[in-house]
Amino acid sequence: MSAARTALLALVGALADAVDPETVAIDDDESPPPDGGPAVRVRPTSLARVGRSRRDGAVLDLELVAAVRSGGPKALELVEQMLTALERESRYTAEPVLLPVEAPSRGGMAFQVRMPVPVRLDEPEPPRVTEPMRLDVRLVRSMSGALIDSAGHGVADARVSASVGSGPSVTDPDGRFRLLVADAPRQTFVVEVRGATRTVEAATATAPVVIRWE
């Protein structure tokens, strides 16, 4: 059963308790009530969105408005009993409503009731963590170096990168470069010179670090 229908039935139950032993029925069609029918008829007239909230999860807040009509010689007393009963419940707000002039034969008295209708929304669940989070921390440092050839000259426009550290660095005209590398006495470097790539190991305990391209 929908949340709106549940709220409407709760209202009908509260009104029935107020006018007992008279009967209360939901008026779902446009035809006039038959003679000898229920003393009170309840017709839902609107259902509107009010907003969203969070109460143990996401909730869509709606508002249902229903017109309550009573006819016959006891209409005045029945309406008074119903309004008094609704006043005791904070979820209901009773307001005056005019009877339609196009149906004077129906007569009677009427008012309308506003009531909240919370509708719970399904939210996607976050992925479950099956293992504790691991965080690997490595210390790095800035390192200066030079790439030289077999004759001891600097190799320009070469790409040098450490196996553990920052991205590659391009050597200047004198073959010098600067990298962020792991804090270790010896490092492995990947060197690319004019399309040729080599892996070279070098001591990094002292600076500047010299890498030879031979």
Protein backbone atom coordinates (compact mmCIF):
# COMPACT_ATOMS: atom_id res chain seq x y z
CA MET A 1 0.00 0.00 0.00
CA SER A 2 1.30 3.46 -0.89
CA ALA A 3 2.31 5.94 1.80
CA ALA A 4 -0.39 8.38 0.64
CA ARG A 5 -3.13 5.74 0.86
CA THR A 6 -1.89 4.73 4.32
CA ALA A 7 -2.07 8.38 5.49
CA LEU A 8 -5.59 8.74 4.05
CA LEU A 9 -6.80 5.61 5.84
CA ALA A 10 -5.28 6.88 9.09
CA LEU A 11 -7.26 10.11 8.70
CA VAL A 12 -10.46 8.18 8.03
CA GLY A 13 -9.82 6.12 11.16
CA ALA A 14 -9.33 9.23 13.30
CA LEU A 15 -12.54 10.78 11.95
CA ALA A 16 -14.49 7.55 12.46
CA ASP A 17 -13.42 7.42 16.10
CA ALA A 18 -14.58 11.03 16.52
CA VAL A 19 -18.11 10.51 15.12
CA ASP A 20 -18.75 6.92 16.26
CA PRO A 21 -21.27 5.31 15.74
CA GLU A 22 -21.70 7.30 12.49
CA THR A 23 -19.83 5.95 9.46
CA VAL A 24 -16.97 7.54 7.47
CA ALA A 25 -16.11 6.53 3.89
CA ILE A 26 -13.59 7.51 1.22
CA ASP A 27 -15.24 9.29 -1.71
CA ASP A 28 -13.19 8.29 -4.77
CA ASP A 29 -15.67 9.18 -7.52
CA GLU A 30 -17.54 12.26 -8.64
CA SER A 31 -21.05 10.86 -8.25
CA PRO A 32 -23.21 12.29 -5.44
CA PRO A 33 -23.54 10.05 -2.37
CA PRO A 34 -26.67 7.87 -2.27
CA ASP A 35 -29.41 8.56 0.25
CA GLY A 36 -28.73 6.80 3.50
CA GLY A 37 -24.99 6.62 2.76
CA PRO A 38 -22.11 7.44 5.12
CA ALA A 39 -22.56 10.44 7.38
CA VAL A 40 -19.03 11.65 6.53
CA ARG A 41 -17.22 11.37 3.22
CA VAL A 42 -13.50 12.02 2.69
CA ARG A 43 -12.14 12.91 -0.76
CA PRO A 44 -8.40 13.26 -1.52
CA THR A 45 -7.93 16.44 -3.56
CA SER A 46 -4.16 16.90 -3.99
CA LEU A 47 -0.78 15.35 -3.29
CA ALA A 48 2.24 17.68 -3.62
CA ARG A 49 5.97 17.59 -3.02
CA VAL A 50 7.14 19.69 -0.07
CA GLY A 51 10.84 18.84 -0.12
CA ARG A 52 13.40 16.26 1.01
CA SER A 53 14.82 15.55 4.43
CA ARG A 54 16.88 12.95 6.28
CA ARG A 55 15.37 10.91 9.09
CA ASP A 56 17.28 7.65 9.40
CA GLY A 57 17.90 7.94 5.63
CA ALA A 58 16.62 9.98 2.70
CA VAL A 59 12.93 10.93 2.83
CA LEU A 60 10.71 12.54 0.18
CA ASP A 61 8.28 14.83 2.02
CA LEU A 62 4.82 15.01 0.43
CA GLU A 63 1.64 16.70 1.59
CA LEU A 64 -1.81 15.18 1.10
CA VAL A 65 -4.91 17.37 1.14
CA ALA A 66 -8.34 15.78 1.65
CA ALA A 67 -11.79 17.36 1.74
CA VAL A 68 -14.11 16.15 4.51
CA ARG A 69 -17.88 16.55 3.97
CA SER A 70 -20.80 15.82 6.24
CA GLY A 71 -24.46 16.12 5.38
CA GLY A 72 -27.80 15.65 7.05
CA PRO A 73 -29.31 17.12 10.19
CA LYS A 74 -26.28 16.12 12.32
CA ALA A 75 -23.69 17.77 10.05
CA LEU A 76 -22.97 20.66 12.41
CA GLU A 77 -22.39 18.40 15.41
CA LEU A 78 -20.31 15.90 13.42
CA VAL A 79 -18.02 18.58 11.99
CA GLU A 80 -17.47 19.98 15.48
CA GLN A 81 -16.56 16.53 16.80
CA MET A 82 -14.14 15.91 13.93
CA LEU A 83 -12.42 19.29 14.21
CA THR A 84 -12.02 18.79 17.96
CA ALA A 85 -10.46 15.35 17.43
CA LEU A 86 -8.06 16.61 14.72
CA GLU A 87 -6.93 19.44 16.98
CA ARG A 88 -5.46 16.87 19.35
CA GLU A 89 -3.17 15.44 16.63
CA SER A 90 -0.36 17.73 15.48
CA ARG A 91 0.11 16.00 12.11
CA TYR A 92 -3.27 17.26 10.88
CA THR A 93 -4.08 20.84 9.87
CA ALA A 94 -7.79 21.61 9.36
CA GLU A 95 -8.82 24.48 7.08
CA PRO A 96 -12.14 25.82 5.82
CA VAL A 97 -13.30 24.91 2.32
CA LEU A 98 -16.33 26.12 0.38
CA LEU A 99 -18.79 23.60 -1.00
CA PRO A 100 -19.13 23.69 -4.80
CA VAL A 101 -21.97 25.98 -5.85
CA GLU A 102 -22.70 23.76 -8.84
CA ALA A 103 -24.06 21.03 -6.54
CA PRO A 104 -26.45 22.79 -4.14
CA SER A 105 -28.50 19.64 -3.78
CA ARG A 106 -25.69 17.98 -1.82
CA GLY A 107 -25.80 20.58 0.94
CA GLY A 108 -23.96 19.82 4.17
CA MET A 109 -20.75 21.22 5.60
CA ALA A 110 -17.13 20.69 4.63
CA PHE A 111 -13.53 21.43 5.58
CA GLN A 112 -10.16 20.23 4.32
CA VAL A 113 -7.27 18.54 6.09
CA ARG A 114 -3.56 18.77 5.29
CA MET A 115 -1.31 15.94 6.41
CA PRO A 116 2.37 15.03 5.86
CA VAL A 117 3.24 11.93 3.84
CA PRO A 118 6.89 10.84 4.25
CA VAL A 119 8.14 8.48 1.55
CA ARG A 120 11.44 6.75 2.25
CA LEU A 121 13.92 6.77 -0.64
CA ASP A 122 16.38 4.00 -1.40
CA GLU A 123 19.98 5.21 -1.52
CA PRO A 124 22.86 3.23 -3.05
CA GLU A 125 24.99 1.65 -0.38
CA PRO A 126 28.70 2.47 -0.35
CA PRO A 127 31.04 -0.42 -1.13
CA ARG A 128 31.87 -2.53 1.88
CA VAL A 129 35.45 -2.46 3.07
CA THR A 130 36.55 -6.07 3.49
CA GLU A 131 40.20 -5.31 4.31
CA PRO A 132 41.78 -2.55 6.38
CA MET A 133 43.13 0.36 4.38
CA ARG A 134 46.88 0.27 3.75
CA LEU A 135 48.91 3.41 3.30
CA ASP A 136 52.46 3.07 2.00
CA VAL A 137 54.63 6.06 2.86
CA ARG A 138 57.95 6.60 1.16
CA LEU A 139 60.38 9.40 1.94
CA VAL A 140 61.71 11.30 -1.07
CA ARG A 141 64.35 13.98 -1.51
CA SER A 142 65.49 16.35 -4.21
CA MET A 143 68.58 15.16 -6.03
CA SER A 144 70.78 16.97 -8.55
CA GLY A 145 72.83 15.08 -11.08
CA ALA A 146 74.56 15.09 -14.41
CA LEU A 147 74.49 12.74 -17.40
CA ILE A 148 77.88 12.46 -19.13
CA ASP A 149 79.21 10.45 -22.06
CA SER A 150 82.37 8.36 -22.27
CA ALA A 151 84.44 11.49 -22.95
CA GLY A 152 83.13 13.23 -19.85
CA HIS A 153 80.92 15.69 -21.73
CA GLY A 154 77.37 16.48 -20.62
CA VAL A 155 74.59 14.86 -22.67
CA ALA A 156 71.85 17.44 -23.45
CA ASP A 157 68.12 16.87 -24.07
CA ALA A 158 68.10 13.41 -22.50
CA ARG A 159 65.25 12.12 -20.34
CA VAL A 160 66.20 10.81 -16.91
CA SER A 161 63.78 9.27 -14.42
CA ALA A 162 64.17 7.32 -11.18
CA SER A 163 62.46 3.97 -10.71
CA VAL A 164 61.02 5.33 -7.45
CA GLY A 165 60.38 9.06 -7.43
CA SER A 166 58.89 11.85 -9.51
CA GLY A 167 58.39 12.05 -13.24
CA PRO A 168 61.24 12.34 -15.75
CA SER A 169 63.58 15.31 -16.01
CA VAL A 170 65.18 16.61 -19.22
CA THR A 171 68.88 17.44 -19.07
CA ASP A 172 70.09 20.97 -19.87
CA PRO A 173 72.88 21.74 -22.40
CA ASP A 174 75.48 20.69 -19.80
CA GLY A 175 73.69 17.38 -19.04
CA ARG A 176 72.45 18.51 -15.63
CA PHE A 177 69.07 17.50 -14.18
CA ARG A 178 67.11 17.49 -10.92
CA LEU A 179 64.74 14.77 -9.66
CA LEU A 180 62.74 13.76 -6.62
CA VAL A 181 64.02 10.30 -5.66
CA ALA A 182 63.56 7.79 -2.87
CA ASP A 183 65.74 8.26 0.18
CA ALA A 184 68.12 5.37 -0.54
CA PRO A 185 71.92 5.18 -1.02
CA ARG A 186 71.61 3.63 -4.48
CA GLN A 187 69.02 4.26 -7.20
CA THR A 188 67.99 2.77 -10.52
CA PHE A 189 67.50 5.30 -13.34
CA VAL A 190 65.93 5.01 -16.78
CA VAL A 191 67.82 7.12 -19.31
CA GLU A 192 66.66 7.89 -22.83
CA VAL A 193 69.06 9.51 -25.31
CA ARG A 194 68.00 10.11 -28.92
CA GLY A 195 65.51 7.19 -28.87
CA ALA A 196 67.82 4.72 -27.11
CA THR A 197 66.81 3.67 -23.57
CA ARG A 198 68.98 2.12 -20.88
CA THR A 199 68.58 1.25 -17.22
CA VAL A 200 71.50 2.49 -15.13
CA GLU A 201 72.31 2.13 -11.45
CA ALA A 202 74.16 4.84 -9.59
CA ALA A 203 75.14 5.76 -6.03
CA THR A 204 73.03 8.61 -4.67
CA ALA A 205 74.53 9.08 -1.22
CA THR A 206 76.39 12.22 -2.33
CA ALA A 207 75.40 14.94 -4.79
CA PRO A 208 75.62 15.72 -7.58
CA VAL A 209 74.99 12.21 -8.84
CA VAL A 210 76.86 11.32 -12.00
CA ILE A 211 75.24 8.96 -14.47
CA ARG A 212 77.42 7.72 -17.32
CA TRP A 213 76.11 7.08 -20.80
CA GLU A 214 78.67 4.84 -22.49
